[in-house]
Amino acid sequence: MQGIYCGVFVSAFAEYFIRNRQFPIKFDVDQYRSRLACLLWNYGLNKQKEDAESESEFPKRKIKIKDKVIRHQV
């Protein structure tokens, strides 16, 4: 049964690794899937609001890295 969750674990591990966080001992697959679904849904809605059809048309956003604000294209 764990084989069907392989992609979810790989995705979660990559996210935790990129953010330099320790992977939790108890990992709720359903909660993580729901969170990703909400993020993707919100991303799609924002693209529709901006009338963007591709990544290059999506507006740039500000991100903060170590007290510095930079412009980053999503």
N, C-alpha and C. Protein backbone atom coordinates (compact mmCIF):
# COMPACT_ATOMS: atom_id res chain seq x y z
N MET A 1 0.82 -1.19 0.00
CA MET A 1 0.00 0.00 0.00
C MET A 1 0.87 1.26 0.00
N GLN A 2 2.08 1.20 0.51
CA GLN A 2 2.92 2.38 0.54
C GLN A 2 3.39 2.78 -0.85
N GLY A 3 3.39 1.87 -1.80
CA GLY A 3 3.83 2.18 -3.15
C GLY A 3 2.99 3.25 -3.83
N ILE A 4 1.72 3.33 -3.48
CA ILE A 4 0.85 4.33 -4.10
C ILE A 4 1.12 5.73 -3.56
N TYR A 5 1.82 5.83 -2.45
CA TYR A 5 2.14 7.12 -1.85
C TYR A 5 3.55 7.59 -2.21
N CYS A 6 4.26 6.87 -3.03
CA CYS A 6 5.65 7.18 -3.34
C CYS A 6 5.82 8.61 -3.85
N GLY A 7 4.99 9.02 -4.79
CA GLY A 7 5.09 10.37 -5.34
C GLY A 7 4.85 11.44 -4.31
N VAL A 8 3.92 11.19 -3.39
CA VAL A 8 3.62 12.16 -2.33
C VAL A 8 4.83 12.31 -1.42
N PHE A 9 5.45 11.19 -1.05
CA PHE A 9 6.62 11.26 -0.18
C PHE A 9 7.80 11.94 -0.87
N VAL A 10 8.00 11.68 -2.14
CA VAL A 10 9.09 12.32 -2.88
C VAL A 10 8.86 13.83 -2.94
N SER A 11 7.63 14.22 -3.24
CA SER A 11 7.29 15.65 -3.30
C SER A 11 7.49 16.32 -1.94
N ALA A 12 7.00 15.68 -0.90
CA ALA A 12 7.13 16.25 0.45
C ALA A 12 8.59 16.32 0.87
N PHE A 13 9.34 15.26 0.60
CA PHE A 13 10.76 15.26 0.96
C PHE A 13 11.50 16.40 0.25
N ALA A 14 11.21 16.59 -1.03
CA ALA A 14 11.85 17.67 -1.78
C ALA A 14 11.51 19.02 -1.17
N GLU A 15 10.25 19.21 -0.79
CA GLU A 15 9.84 20.48 -0.19
C GLU A 15 10.56 20.72 1.14
N TYR A 16 10.60 19.70 1.99
CA TYR A 16 11.27 19.84 3.28
C TYR A 16 12.77 20.05 3.09
N PHE A 17 13.36 19.38 2.12
CA PHE A 17 14.79 19.51 1.85
C PHE A 17 15.13 20.92 1.37
N ILE A 18 14.32 21.45 0.45
CA ILE A 18 14.56 22.79 -0.09
C ILE A 18 14.44 23.83 1.01
N ARG A 19 13.50 23.65 1.89
CA ARG A 19 13.28 24.61 2.98
C ARG A 19 14.17 24.35 4.18
N ASN A 20 15.05 23.35 4.07
CA ASN A 20 16.01 23.00 5.12
C ASN A 20 15.30 22.66 6.44
N ARG A 21 14.23 21.88 6.33
CA ARG A 21 13.48 21.46 7.49
C ARG A 21 13.59 19.95 7.64
N GLN A 22 13.45 19.48 8.86
CA GLN A 22 13.51 18.05 9.12
C GLN A 22 12.17 17.41 8.74
N PHE A 23 12.24 16.28 8.05
CA PHE A 23 11.03 15.57 7.65
C PHE A 23 10.36 15.01 8.91
N PRO A 24 9.05 15.21 9.07
CA PRO A 24 8.37 14.76 10.29
C PRO A 24 8.31 13.24 10.40
N ILE A 25 8.34 12.76 11.62
CA ILE A 25 8.25 11.32 11.86
C ILE A 25 6.85 10.83 11.50
N LYS A 26 5.83 11.57 11.92
CA LYS A 26 4.45 11.24 11.56
C LYS A 26 4.05 12.15 10.42
N PHE A 27 3.82 11.57 9.27
CA PHE A 27 3.49 12.34 8.07
C PHE A 27 2.09 11.98 7.62
N ASP A 28 1.21 12.96 7.56
CA ASP A 28 -0.18 12.75 7.15
C ASP A 28 -0.30 12.98 5.64
N VAL A 29 -0.40 11.89 4.89
CA VAL A 29 -0.44 11.94 3.43
C VAL A 29 -1.67 12.71 2.95
N ASP A 30 -2.82 12.44 3.54
CA ASP A 30 -4.05 13.11 3.11
C ASP A 30 -3.99 14.61 3.35
N GLN A 31 -3.45 15.03 4.48
CA GLN A 31 -3.32 16.45 4.78
C GLN A 31 -2.37 17.11 3.78
N TYR A 32 -1.27 16.45 3.45
CA TYR A 32 -0.31 17.02 2.50
C TYR A 32 -0.94 17.13 1.11
N ARG A 33 -1.67 16.10 0.69
CA ARG A 33 -2.35 16.15 -0.61
C ARG A 33 -3.36 17.29 -0.66
N SER A 34 -4.11 17.47 0.42
CA SER A 34 -5.10 18.55 0.48
C SER A 34 -4.42 19.90 0.40
N ARG A 35 -3.30 20.05 1.11
CA ARG A 35 -2.56 21.31 1.09
C ARG A 35 -2.07 21.62 -0.32
N LEU A 36 -1.50 20.63 -0.99
CA LEU A 36 -1.02 20.83 -2.36
C LEU A 36 -2.16 21.17 -3.31
N ALA A 37 -3.29 20.50 -3.14
CA ALA A 37 -4.44 20.78 -3.99
C ALA A 37 -4.90 22.22 -3.80
N CYS A 38 -4.94 22.70 -2.56
CA CYS A 38 -5.34 24.09 -2.29
C CYS A 38 -4.35 25.08 -2.90
N LEU A 39 -3.05 24.79 -2.77
CA LEU A 39 -2.04 25.68 -3.34
C LEU A 39 -2.17 25.76 -4.86
N LEU A 40 -2.36 24.62 -5.51
CA LEU A 40 -2.49 24.61 -6.96
C LEU A 40 -3.78 25.30 -7.41
N TRP A 41 -4.85 25.08 -6.68
CA TRP A 41 -6.12 25.73 -6.99
C TRP A 41 -5.97 27.25 -6.90
N ASN A 42 -5.36 27.72 -5.82
CA ASN A 42 -5.15 29.15 -5.63
C ASN A 42 -4.24 29.72 -6.72
N TYR A 43 -3.22 29.00 -7.08
CA TYR A 43 -2.32 29.43 -8.14
C TYR A 43 -3.08 29.59 -9.47
N GLY A 44 -3.93 28.62 -9.77
CA GLY A 44 -4.74 28.69 -10.98
C GLY A 44 -5.70 29.87 -10.99
N LEU A 45 -6.33 30.12 -9.84
CA LEU A 45 -7.24 31.27 -9.73
C LEU A 45 -6.49 32.59 -9.93
N ASN A 46 -5.30 32.69 -9.35
CA ASN A 46 -4.51 33.91 -9.51
C ASN A 46 -4.09 34.11 -10.96
N LYS A 47 -3.78 33.04 -11.65
CA LYS A 47 -3.43 33.16 -13.07
C LYS A 47 -4.63 33.62 -13.88
N GLN A 48 -5.82 33.13 -13.54
CA GLN A 48 -7.03 33.56 -14.24
C GLN A 48 -7.32 35.03 -13.98
N LYS A 49 -7.13 35.48 -12.74
CA LYS A 49 -7.36 36.89 -12.41
C LYS A 49 -6.43 37.80 -13.20
N GLU A 50 -5.20 37.36 -13.39
CA GLU A 50 -4.21 38.16 -14.11
C GLU A 50 -4.30 37.93 -15.62
N ASP A 51 -5.20 37.05 -16.03
CA ASP A 51 -5.37 36.70 -17.43
C ASP A 51 -4.06 36.20 -18.06
N ALA A 52 -3.33 35.40 -17.29
CA ALA A 52 -2.05 34.86 -17.75
C ALA A 52 -2.28 33.45 -18.32
N GLU A 53 -1.69 33.18 -19.45
CA GLU A 53 -1.82 31.86 -20.07
C GLU A 53 -0.59 30.99 -19.88
N SER A 54 0.55 31.60 -19.57
CA SER A 54 1.77 30.82 -19.38
C SER A 54 2.56 31.40 -18.22
N GLU A 55 3.62 30.70 -17.82
CA GLU A 55 4.45 31.16 -16.71
C GLU A 55 5.08 32.51 -17.00
N SER A 56 5.48 32.76 -18.23
CA SER A 56 6.16 34.01 -18.56
C SER A 56 5.22 35.21 -18.47
N GLU A 57 3.91 34.97 -18.56
CA GLU A 57 2.94 36.06 -18.48
C GLU A 57 2.47 36.32 -17.05
N PHE A 58 2.76 35.41 -16.14
CA PHE A 58 2.31 35.56 -14.76
C PHE A 58 3.13 36.67 -14.10
N PRO A 59 2.50 37.57 -13.35
CA PRO A 59 3.23 38.71 -12.78
C PRO A 59 4.29 38.27 -11.77
N LYS A 60 5.33 39.09 -11.67
CA LYS A 60 6.39 38.80 -10.72
C LYS A 60 5.90 39.09 -9.32
N ARG A 61 6.45 38.37 -8.37
CA ARG A 61 6.09 38.60 -6.98
C ARG A 61 7.35 38.87 -6.17
N LYS A 62 7.17 39.50 -5.03
CA LYS A 62 8.28 39.79 -4.15
C LYS A 62 8.48 38.63 -3.19
N ILE A 63 9.72 38.24 -2.98
CA ILE A 63 10.02 37.25 -1.96
C ILE A 63 11.10 37.82 -1.05
N LYS A 64 11.10 37.41 0.19
CA LYS A 64 12.04 37.93 1.18
C LYS A 64 13.04 36.85 1.54
N ILE A 65 14.31 37.15 1.36
CA ILE A 65 15.38 36.22 1.71
C ILE A 65 16.36 36.97 2.61
N LYS A 66 16.44 36.54 3.85
CA LYS A 66 17.37 37.13 4.82
C LYS A 66 17.30 38.65 4.83
N ASP A 67 16.10 39.16 5.09
CA ASP A 67 15.85 40.60 5.21
C ASP A 67 16.07 41.39 3.93
N LYS A 68 16.13 40.73 2.78
CA LYS A 68 16.25 41.42 1.51
C LYS A 68 15.03 41.06 0.66
N VAL A 69 14.41 42.03 0.08
CA VAL A 69 13.26 41.79 -0.79
C VAL A 69 13.77 41.83 -2.23
N ILE A 70 13.48 40.77 -2.96
CA ILE A 70 13.86 40.72 -4.36
C ILE A 70 12.65 40.41 -5.21
N ARG A 71 12.72 40.70 -6.48
CA ARG A 71 11.64 40.37 -7.39
C ARG A 71 11.92 38.99 -7.95
N HIS A 72 10.93 38.16 -7.95
CA HIS A 72 11.08 36.78 -8.41
C HIS A 72 9.91 36.43 -9.30
N GLN A 73 10.21 35.84 -10.43
CA GLN A 73 9.13 35.41 -11.34
C GLN A 73 8.72 33.99 -10.97
N VAL A 74 7.45 33.79 -10.78
CA VAL A 74 6.93 32.47 -10.40
C VAL A 74 6.89 31.58 -11.61
